[in-house]
PDB file of N, CA and C in Angstrom:
ATOM      1  N   UNK A   1      90.402  -3.548 -18.021  1.00  0.00           N
ATOM      2  CA  UNK A   1      90.222  -2.213 -17.520  1.00  0.00           C
ATOM      3  C   UNK A   1      89.321  -1.444 -18.491  1.00  0.00           C
ATOM      4  N   UNK A   2      88.540  -0.559 -17.961  1.00  0.00           N
ATOM      5  CA  UNK A   2      87.708   0.312 -18.787  1.00  0.00           C
ATOM      6  C   UNK A   2      88.434   1.646 -18.913  1.00  0.00           C
ATOM      7  N   UNK A   3      88.760   2.026 -20.146  1.00  0.00           N
ATOM      8  CA  UNK A   3      89.508   3.261 -20.373  1.00  0.00           C
ATOM      9  C   UNK A   3      88.622   4.499 -20.367  1.00  0.00           C
ATOM     10  N   UNK A   4      87.419   4.411 -20.948  1.00  0.00           N
ATOM     11  CA  UNK A   4      86.540   5.576 -20.958  1.00  0.00           C
ATOM     12  C   UNK A   4      85.085   5.155 -21.155  1.00  0.00           C
ATOM     13  N   UNK A   5      84.199   6.083 -20.837  1.00  0.00           N
ATOM     14  CA  UNK A   5      82.760   5.851 -20.928  1.00  0.00           C
ATOM     15  C   UNK A   5      82.139   6.855 -21.891  1.00  0.00           C
ATOM     16  N   UNK A   6      81.173   6.418 -22.685  1.00  0.00           N
ATOM     17  CA  UNK A   6      80.366   7.335 -23.497  1.00  0.00           C
ATOM     18  C   UNK A   6      79.222   7.902 -22.667  1.00  0.00           C
ATOM     19  N   UNK A   7      78.623   7.062 -21.826  1.00  0.00           N
ATOM     20  CA  UNK A   7      77.480   7.446 -20.991  1.00  0.00           C
ATOM     21  C   UNK A   7      78.024   8.034 -19.693  1.00  0.00           C
ATOM     22  N   UNK A   8      77.712   9.295 -19.419  1.00  0.00           N
ATOM     23  CA  UNK A   8      78.268   9.976 -18.248  1.00  0.00           C
ATOM     24  C   UNK A   8      77.877   9.320 -16.925  1.00  0.00           C
ATOM     25  N   UNK A   9      76.698   8.735 -16.868  1.00  0.00           N
ATOM     26  CA  UNK A   9      76.255   8.100 -15.633  1.00  0.00           C
ATOM     27  C   UNK A   9      76.992   6.816 -15.304  1.00  0.00           C
ATOM     28  N   UNK A  10      77.582   6.154 -16.300  1.00  0.00           N
ATOM     29  CA  UNK A  10      78.279   4.883 -16.045  1.00  0.00           C
ATOM     30  C   UNK A  10      79.528   5.077 -15.194  1.00  0.00           C
ATOM     31  N   UNK A  11      80.292   6.125 -15.446  1.00  0.00           N
ATOM     32  CA  UNK A  11      81.492   6.382 -14.639  1.00  0.00           C
ATOM     33  C   UNK A  11      81.101   6.628 -13.183  1.00  0.00           C
ATOM     34  N   UNK A  12      80.054   7.412 -12.990  1.00  0.00           N
ATOM     35  CA  UNK A  12      79.557   7.684 -11.641  1.00  0.00           C
ATOM     36  C   UNK A  12      79.068   6.398 -10.974  1.00  0.00           C
ATOM     37  N   UNK A  13      78.340   5.588 -11.713  1.00  0.00           N
ATOM     38  CA  UNK A  13      77.833   4.324 -11.180  1.00  0.00           C
ATOM     39  C   UNK A  13      78.977   3.374 -10.826  1.00  0.00           C
ATOM     40  N   UNK A  14      79.992   3.303 -11.660  1.00  0.00           N
ATOM     41  CA  UNK A  14      81.134   2.428 -11.398  1.00  0.00           C
ATOM     42  C   UNK A  14      81.889   2.863 -10.142  1.00  0.00           C
ATOM     43  N   UNK A  15      81.944   4.163  -9.886  1.00  0.00           N
ATOM     44  CA  UNK A  15      82.687   4.678  -8.730  1.00  0.00           C
ATOM     45  C   UNK A  15      81.889   4.628  -7.430  1.00  0.00           C
ATOM     46  N   UNK A  16      80.578   4.886  -7.504  1.00  0.00           N
ATOM     47  CA  UNK A  16      79.793   5.056  -6.279  1.00  0.00           C
ATOM     48  C   UNK A  16      78.647   4.062  -6.116  1.00  0.00           C
ATOM     49  N   UNK A  17      78.418   3.185  -7.104  1.00  0.00           N
ATOM     50  CA  UNK A  17      77.303   2.235  -7.102  1.00  0.00           C
ATOM     51  C   UNK A  17      75.935   2.903  -7.180  1.00  0.00           C
ATOM     52  N   UNK A  18      75.891   4.164  -7.591  1.00  0.00           N
ATOM     53  CA  UNK A  18      74.625   4.855  -7.816  1.00  0.00           C
ATOM     54  C   UNK A  18      74.844   6.019  -8.771  1.00  0.00           C
ATOM     55  N   UNK A  19      73.786   6.380  -9.485  1.00  0.00           N
ATOM     56  CA  UNK A  19      73.852   7.509 -10.408  1.00  0.00           C
ATOM     57  C   UNK A  19      72.444   7.995 -10.699  1.00  0.00           C
ATOM     58  N   UNK A  20      72.244   9.298 -10.644  1.00  0.00           N
ATOM     59  CA  UNK A  20      70.945   9.880 -10.970  1.00  0.00           C
ATOM     60  C   UNK A  20      70.659   9.789 -12.465  1.00  0.00           C
ATOM     61  N   UNK A  21      71.676   9.504 -13.257  1.00  0.00           N
ATOM     62  CA  UNK A  21      71.527   9.449 -14.715  1.00  0.00           C
ATOM     63  C   UNK A  21      71.129   8.060 -15.219  1.00  0.00           C
ATOM     64  N   UNK A  22      71.036   7.089 -14.310  1.00  0.00           N
ATOM     65  CA  UNK A  22      70.666   5.717 -14.675  1.00  0.00           C
ATOM     66  C   UNK A  22      69.533   5.270 -13.756  1.00  0.00           C
ATOM     67  N   UNK A  23      68.547   4.589 -14.327  1.00  0.00           N
ATOM     68  CA  UNK A  23      67.417   4.111 -13.529  1.00  0.00           C
ATOM     69  C   UNK A  23      67.906   3.219 -12.383  1.00  0.00           C
ATOM     70  N   UNK A  24      67.411   3.436 -11.170  1.00  0.00           N
ATOM     71  CA  UNK A  24      67.845   2.643 -10.013  1.00  0.00           C
ATOM     72  C   UNK A  24      67.650   1.138 -10.172  1.00  0.00           C
ATOM     73  N   UNK A  25      66.620   0.697 -10.904  1.00  0.00           N
ATOM     74  CA  UNK A  25      66.401  -0.740 -11.059  1.00  0.00           C
ATOM     75  C   UNK A  25      67.467  -1.391 -11.941  1.00  0.00           C
ATOM     76  N   UNK A  26      68.307  -0.604 -12.595  1.00  0.00           N
ATOM     77  CA  UNK A  26      69.388  -1.144 -13.427  1.00  0.00           C
ATOM     78  C   UNK A  26      70.743  -1.146 -12.718  1.00  0.00           C
ATOM     79  N   UNK A  27      70.846  -0.489 -11.563  1.00  0.00           N
ATOM     80  CA  UNK A  27      72.135  -0.297 -10.908  1.00  0.00           C
ATOM     81  C   UNK A  27      72.884  -1.597 -10.641  1.00  0.00           C
ATOM     82  N   UNK A  28      72.279  -2.540  -9.949  1.00  0.00           N
ATOM     83  CA  UNK A  28      72.985  -3.752  -9.509  1.00  0.00           C
ATOM     84  C   UNK A  28      73.494  -4.555 -10.704  1.00  0.00           C
ATOM     85  N   UNK A  29      72.625  -4.817 -11.665  1.00  0.00           N
ATOM     86  CA  UNK A  29      73.029  -5.612 -12.837  1.00  0.00           C
ATOM     87  C   UNK A  29      74.084  -4.879 -13.667  1.00  0.00           C
ATOM     88  N   UNK A  30      73.957  -3.559 -13.769  1.00  0.00           N
ATOM     89  CA  UNK A  30      74.929  -2.787 -14.546  1.00  0.00           C
ATOM     90  C   UNK A  30      76.295  -2.812 -13.874  1.00  0.00           C
ATOM     91  N   UNK A  31      76.336  -2.639 -12.564  1.00  0.00           N
ATOM     92  CA  UNK A  31      77.616  -2.664 -11.837  1.00  0.00           C
ATOM     93  C   UNK A  31      78.285  -4.029 -11.977  1.00  0.00           C
ATOM     94  N   UNK A  32      77.521  -5.121 -11.886  1.00  0.00           N
ATOM     95  CA  UNK A  32      78.098  -6.462 -12.063  1.00  0.00           C
ATOM     96  C   UNK A  32      78.749  -6.599 -13.432  1.00  0.00           C
ATOM     97  N   UNK A  33      78.070  -6.107 -14.445  1.00  0.00           N
ATOM     98  CA  UNK A  33      78.602  -6.215 -15.806  1.00  0.00           C
ATOM     99  C   UNK A  33      79.796  -5.295 -16.011  1.00  0.00           C
ATOM    100  N   UNK A  34      79.768  -4.106 -15.429  1.00  0.00           N
ATOM    101  CA  UNK A  34      80.926  -3.211 -15.521  1.00  0.00           C
ATOM    102  C   UNK A  34      82.145  -3.837 -14.842  1.00  0.00           C
ATOM    103  N   UNK A  35      81.939  -4.481 -13.691  1.00  0.00           N
ATOM    104  CA  UNK A  35      83.041  -5.167 -13.004  1.00  0.00           C
ATOM    105  C   UNK A  35      83.615  -6.279 -13.876  1.00  0.00           C
ATOM    106  N   UNK A  36      82.747  -7.038 -14.533  1.00  0.00           N
ATOM    107  CA  UNK A  36      83.210  -8.121 -15.410  1.00  0.00           C
ATOM    108  C   UNK A  36      83.975  -7.562 -16.602  1.00  0.00           C
ATOM    109  N   UNK A  37      83.481  -6.490 -17.191  1.00  0.00           N
ATOM    110  CA  UNK A  37      84.171  -5.864 -18.324  1.00  0.00           C
ATOM    111  C   UNK A  37      85.532  -5.343 -17.880  1.00  0.00           C
ATOM    112  N   UNK A  38      85.586  -4.730 -16.704  1.00  0.00           N
ATOM    113  CA  UNK A  38      86.838  -4.153 -16.210  1.00  0.00           C
ATOM    114  C   UNK A  38      87.907  -5.211 -15.953  1.00  0.00           C
ATOM    115  N   UNK A  39      87.509  -6.422 -15.572  1.00  0.00           N
ATOM    116  CA  UNK A  39      88.498  -7.459 -15.260  1.00  0.00           C
ATOM    117  C   UNK A  39      88.818  -8.370 -16.441  1.00  0.00           C
ATOM    118  N   UNK A  40      88.006  -8.322 -17.483  1.00  0.00           N
ATOM    119  CA  UNK A  40      88.224  -9.197 -18.645  1.00  0.00           C
ATOM    120  C   UNK A  40      89.474  -8.781 -19.418  1.00  0.00           C
ATOM    121  N   UNK A  41      90.205  -9.765 -19.922  1.00  0.00           N
ATOM    122  CA  UNK A  41      91.393  -9.506 -20.744  1.00  0.00           C
ATOM    123  C   UNK A  41      91.068  -9.535 -22.231  1.00  0.00           C
ATOM    124  N   UNK A  42      89.959 -10.201 -22.583  1.00  0.00           N
ATOM    125  CA  UNK A  42      89.491 -10.257 -23.968  1.00  0.00           C
ATOM    126  C   UNK A  42      87.972 -10.115 -23.954  1.00  0.00           C
ATOM    127  N   UNK A  43      87.386  -9.658 -25.037  1.00  0.00           N
ATOM    128  CA  UNK A  43      85.925  -9.570 -25.067  1.00  0.00           C
ATOM    129  C   UNK A  43      85.258 -10.933 -24.897  1.00  0.00           C
ATOM    130  N   UNK A  44      85.870 -11.974 -25.432  1.00  0.00           N
ATOM    131  CA  UNK A  44      85.290 -13.318 -25.349  1.00  0.00           C
ATOM    132  C   UNK A  44      85.188 -13.828 -23.914  1.00  0.00           C
ATOM    133  N   UNK A  45      85.968 -13.268 -23.002  1.00  0.00           N
ATOM    134  CA  UNK A  45      85.893 -13.650 -21.590  1.00  0.00           C
ATOM    135  C   UNK A  45      84.537 -13.272 -20.985  1.00  0.00           C
ATOM    136  N   UNK A  46      83.755 -12.478 -21.704  1.00  0.00           N
ATOM    137  CA  UNK A  46      82.446 -12.047 -21.209  1.00  0.00           C
ATOM    138  C   UNK A  46      81.312 -12.968 -21.646  1.00  0.00           C
ATOM    139  N   UNK A  47      81.652 -14.110 -22.207  1.00  0.00           N
ATOM    140  CA  UNK A  47      80.633 -15.108 -22.572  1.00  0.00           C
ATOM    141  C   UNK A  47      80.199 -15.840 -21.299  1.00  0.00           C
ATOM    142  N   UNK A  48      79.438 -15.147 -20.478  1.00  0.00           N
ATOM    143  CA  UNK A  48      78.993 -15.666 -19.186  1.00  0.00           C
ATOM    144  C   UNK A  48      77.475 -15.845 -19.202  1.00  0.00           C
ATOM    145  N   UNK A  49      76.955 -16.782 -18.410  1.00  0.00           N
ATOM    146  CA  UNK A  49      75.505 -16.978 -18.361  1.00  0.00           C
ATOM    147  C   UNK A  49      74.783 -15.684 -17.968  1.00  0.00           C
ATOM    148  N   UNK A  50      73.742 -15.350 -18.705  1.00  0.00           N
ATOM    149  CA  UNK A  50      72.949 -14.165 -18.411  1.00  0.00           C
ATOM    150  C   UNK A  50      73.449 -12.885 -19.037  1.00  0.00           C
ATOM    151  N   UNK A  51      74.658 -12.901 -19.596  1.00  0.00           N
ATOM    152  CA  UNK A  51      75.211 -11.680 -20.183  1.00  0.00           C
ATOM    153  C   UNK A  51      74.784 -11.506 -21.637  1.00  0.00           C
ATOM    154  N   UNK A  52      74.404 -12.578 -22.313  1.00  0.00           N
ATOM    155  CA  UNK A  52      74.043 -12.541 -23.733  1.00  0.00           C
ATOM    156  C   UNK A  52      75.084 -11.747 -24.529  1.00  0.00           C
ATOM    157  N   UNK A  53      76.350 -12.058 -24.306  1.00  0.00           N
ATOM    158  CA  UNK A  53      77.449 -11.382 -25.005  1.00  0.00           C
ATOM    159  C   UNK A  53      77.389 -11.678 -26.497  1.00  0.00           C
ATOM    160  N   UNK A  54      77.576 -10.647 -27.310  1.00  0.00           N
ATOM    161  CA  UNK A  54      77.690 -10.863 -28.750  1.00  0.00           C
ATOM    162  C   UNK A  54      78.365  -9.661 -29.418  1.00  0.00           C
ATOM    163  N   UNK A  55      79.100  -9.929 -30.501  1.00  0.00           N
ATOM    164  CA  UNK A  55      79.694  -8.829 -31.266  1.00  0.00           C
ATOM    165  C   UNK A  55      78.605  -8.127 -32.073  1.00  0.00           C
ATOM    166  N   UNK A  56      78.757  -6.837 -32.251  1.00  0.00           N
ATOM    167  CA  UNK A  56      77.837  -6.061 -33.073  1.00  0.00           C
ATOM    168  C   UNK A  56      78.418  -5.915 -34.471  1.00  0.00           C
ATOM    169  N   UNK A  57      77.568  -5.723 -35.439  1.00  0.00           N
ATOM    170  CA  UNK A  57      78.047  -5.536 -36.802  1.00  0.00           C
ATOM    171  C   UNK A  57      78.528  -4.103 -36.982  1.00  0.00           C
ATOM    172  N   UNK A  58      79.432  -3.927 -37.940  1.00  0.00           N
ATOM    173  CA  UNK A  58      79.893  -2.588 -38.273  1.00  0.00           C
ATOM    174  C   UNK A  58      81.338  -2.352 -37.910  1.00  0.00           C
ATOM    175  N   UNK A  59      81.793  -1.205 -38.329  1.00  0.00           N
ATOM    176  CA  UNK A  59      83.158  -0.771 -38.062  1.00  0.00           C
ATOM    177  C   UNK A  59      83.048   0.583 -37.381  1.00  0.00           C
ATOM    178  N   UNK A  60      83.765   0.839 -36.291  1.00  0.00           N
ATOM    179  CA  UNK A  60      84.694  -0.069 -35.627  1.00  0.00           C
ATOM    180  C   UNK A  60      83.951  -1.189 -34.889  1.00  0.00           C
ATOM    181  N   UNK A  61      84.657  -2.259 -34.605  1.00  0.00           N
ATOM    182  CA  UNK A  61      84.097  -3.441 -33.944  1.00  0.00           C
ATOM    183  C   UNK A  61      83.660  -3.070 -32.531  1.00  0.00           C
ATOM    184  N   UNK A  62      82.389  -3.404 -32.208  1.00  0.00           N
ATOM    185  CA  UNK A  62      81.857  -3.184 -30.873  1.00  0.00           C
ATOM    186  C   UNK A  62      81.175  -4.457 -30.399  1.00  0.00           C
ATOM    187  N   UNK A  63      80.936  -4.523 -29.090  1.00  0.00           N
ATOM    188  CA  UNK A  63      80.344  -5.699 -28.463  1.00  0.00           C
ATOM    189  C   UNK A  63      79.191  -5.254 -27.570  1.00  0.00           C
ATOM    190  N   UNK A  64      78.360  -6.220 -27.174  1.00  0.00           N
ATOM    191  CA  UNK A  64      77.212  -5.917 -26.339  1.00  0.00           C
ATOM    192  C   UNK A  64      77.040  -6.992 -25.275  1.00  0.00           C
ATOM    193  N   UNK A  65      76.646  -6.570 -24.074  1.00  0.00           N
ATOM    194  CA  UNK A  65      76.192  -7.489 -23.031  1.00  0.00           C
ATOM    195  C   UNK A  65      74.838  -6.980 -22.536  1.00  0.00           C
ATOM    196  N   UNK A  66      73.932  -7.905 -22.306  1.00  0.00           N
ATOM    197  CA  UNK A  66      72.570  -7.597 -21.894  1.00  0.00           C
ATOM    198  C   UNK A  66      72.549  -7.184 -20.419  1.00  0.00           C
ATOM    199  N   UNK A  67      71.780  -6.140 -20.088  1.00  0.00           N
ATOM    200  CA  UNK A  67      71.609  -5.728 -18.696  1.00  0.00           C
ATOM    201  C   UNK A  67      70.225  -6.151 -18.204  1.00  0.00           C
ATOM    202  N   UNK A  68      69.176  -5.584 -18.786  1.00  0.00           N
ATOM    203  CA  UNK A  68      67.815  -5.899 -18.359  1.00  0.00           C
ATOM    204  C   UNK A  68      66.838  -5.350 -19.394  1.00  0.00           C
ATOM    205  N   UNK A  69      65.848  -6.152 -19.764  1.00  0.00           N
ATOM    206  CA  UNK A  69      64.889  -5.702 -20.768  1.00  0.00           C
ATOM    207  C   UNK A  69      65.622  -5.278 -22.031  1.00  0.00           C
ATOM    208  N   UNK A  70      65.344  -4.075 -22.528  1.00  0.00           N
ATOM    209  CA  UNK A  70      66.021  -3.618 -23.743  1.00  0.00           C
ATOM    210  C   UNK A  70      67.382  -2.972 -23.484  1.00  0.00           C
ATOM    211  N   UNK A  71      67.829  -2.918 -22.248  1.00  0.00           N
ATOM    212  CA  UNK A  71      69.068  -2.211 -21.906  1.00  0.00           C
ATOM    213  C   UNK A  71      70.293  -3.103 -22.078  1.00  0.00           C
ATOM    214  N   UNK A  72      71.302  -2.563 -22.750  1.00  0.00           N
ATOM    215  CA  UNK A  72      72.561  -3.273 -23.005  1.00  0.00           C
ATOM    216  C   UNK A  72      73.737  -2.341 -22.771  1.00  0.00           C
ATOM    217  N   UNK A  73      74.846  -2.918 -22.342  1.00  0.00           N
ATOM    218  CA  UNK A  73      76.114  -2.196 -22.331  1.00  0.00           C
ATOM    219  C   UNK A  73      76.811  -2.507 -23.645  1.00  0.00           C
ATOM    220  N   UNK A  74      77.238  -1.479 -24.358  1.00  0.00           N
ATOM    221  CA  UNK A  74      77.991  -1.673 -25.591  1.00  0.00           C
ATOM    222  C   UNK A  74      79.369  -1.062 -25.401  1.00  0.00           C
ATOM    223  N   UNK A  75      80.354  -1.641 -26.078  1.00  0.00           N
ATOM    224  CA  UNK A  75      81.722  -1.178 -25.876  1.00  0.00           C
ATOM    225  C   UNK A  75      82.614  -1.643 -27.013  1.00  0.00           C
ATOM    226  N   UNK A  76      83.726  -0.927 -27.184  1.00  0.00           N
ATOM    227  CA  UNK A  76      84.770  -1.346 -28.100  1.00  0.00           C
ATOM    228  C   UNK A  76      85.883  -1.998 -27.305  1.00  0.00           C
ATOM    229  N   UNK A  77      86.913  -2.471 -27.992  1.00  0.00           N
ATOM    230  CA  UNK A  77      88.019  -3.159 -27.314  1.00  0.00           C
ATOM    231  C   UNK A  77      89.340  -2.771 -27.956  1.00  0.00           C
ATOM    232  N   UNK A  78      90.316  -2.382 -27.137  1.00  0.00           N
ATOM    233  CA  UNK A  78      91.670  -2.063 -27.600  1.00  0.00           C
ATOM    234  C   UNK A  78      92.666  -2.784 -26.702  1.00  0.00           C
ATOM    235  N   UNK A  79      93.419  -3.714 -27.267  1.00  0.00           N
ATOM    236  CA  UNK A  79      94.383  -4.486 -26.472  1.00  0.00           C
ATOM    237  C   UNK A  79      93.658  -5.308 -25.429  1.00  0.00           C
ATOM    238  N   UNK A  80      93.886  -4.989 -24.145  1.00  0.00           N
ATOM    239  CA  UNK A  80      93.207  -5.683 -23.044  1.00  0.00           C
ATOM    240  C   UNK A  80      92.201  -4.776 -22.339  1.00  0.00           C
ATOM    241  N   UNK A  81      91.759  -3.718 -23.012  1.00  0.00           N
ATOM    242  CA  UNK A  81      90.914  -2.710 -22.373  1.00  0.00           C
ATOM    243  C   UNK A  81      89.624  -2.442 -23.140  1.00  0.00           C
ATOM    244  N   UNK A  82      88.557  -2.223 -22.397  1.00  0.00           N
ATOM    245  CA  UNK A  82      87.291  -1.799 -22.993  1.00  0.00           C
ATOM    246  C   UNK A  82      87.324  -0.285 -23.168  1.00  0.00           C
ATOM    247  N   UNK A  83      86.731   0.186 -24.268  1.00  0.00           N
ATOM    248  CA  UNK A  83      86.687   1.624 -24.544  1.00  0.00           C
ATOM    249  C   UNK A  83      85.271   2.030 -24.941  1.00  0.00           C
ATOM    250  N   UNK A  84      84.968   3.294 -24.722  1.00  0.00           N
ATOM    251  CA  UNK A  84      83.681   3.865 -25.137  1.00  0.00           C
ATOM    252  C   UNK A  84      82.495   3.041 -24.641  1.00  0.00           C
ATOM    253  N   UNK A  85      82.484   2.718 -23.356  1.00  0.00           N
ATOM    254  CA  UNK A  85      81.401   1.917 -22.777  1.00  0.00           C
ATOM    255  C   UNK A  85      80.139   2.782 -22.689  1.00  0.00           C
ATOM    256  N   UNK A  86      79.040   2.234 -23.180  1.00  0.00           N
ATOM    257  CA  UNK A  86      77.792   2.988 -23.253  1.00  0.00           C
ATOM    258  C   UNK A  86      76.635   2.122 -22.757  1.00  0.00           C
ATOM    259  N   UNK A  87      75.618   2.753 -22.210  1.00  0.00           N
ATOM    260  CA  UNK A  87      74.377   2.079 -21.827  1.00  0.00           C
ATOM    261  C   UNK A  87      73.326   2.488 -22.845  1.00  0.00           C
ATOM    262  N   UNK A  88      72.791   1.508 -23.576  1.00  0.00           N
ATOM    263  CA  UNK A  88      71.862   1.811 -24.660  1.00  0.00           C
ATOM    264  C   UNK A  88      70.565   1.031 -24.504  1.00  0.00           C
ATOM    265  N   UNK A  89      69.495   1.650 -24.945  1.00  0.00           N
ATOM    266  CA  UNK A  89      68.177   1.031 -24.943  1.00  0.00           C
ATOM    267  C   UNK A  89      67.917   0.481 -26.331  1.00  0.00           C
ATOM    268  N   UNK A  90      68.053  -0.831 -26.492  1.00  0.00           N
ATOM    269  CA  UNK A  90      67.779  -1.488 -27.773  1.00  0.00           C
ATOM    270  C   UNK A  90      66.356  -2.005 -27.750  1.00  0.00           C
ATOM    271  N   UNK A  91      65.548  -1.550 -28.673  1.00  0.00           N
ATOM    272  CA  UNK A  91      64.184  -2.078 -28.754  1.00  0.00           C
ATOM    273  C   UNK A  91      63.834  -2.448 -30.160  1.00  0.00           C
TER     274      UNK A  91
END
């Protein structure tokens, strides 16, 4: 389950499959990844083809999954839940 979002457009996208705050060409891939994050019980369950899942360095511990180009979803993990899910442009 996803407990909260850092990026305001992600909550809207997760609920309605569209958001004016996120580029339309990212919608489908982002929703697929949000669905996978929401159903995962551990971060390691996201080691799926095309997701390029990896832990990020630093404290607190965060993780990343690739969306498209430089865009990634980053998130923390508490128990069986993702927290502070964000859409970031890594370049």
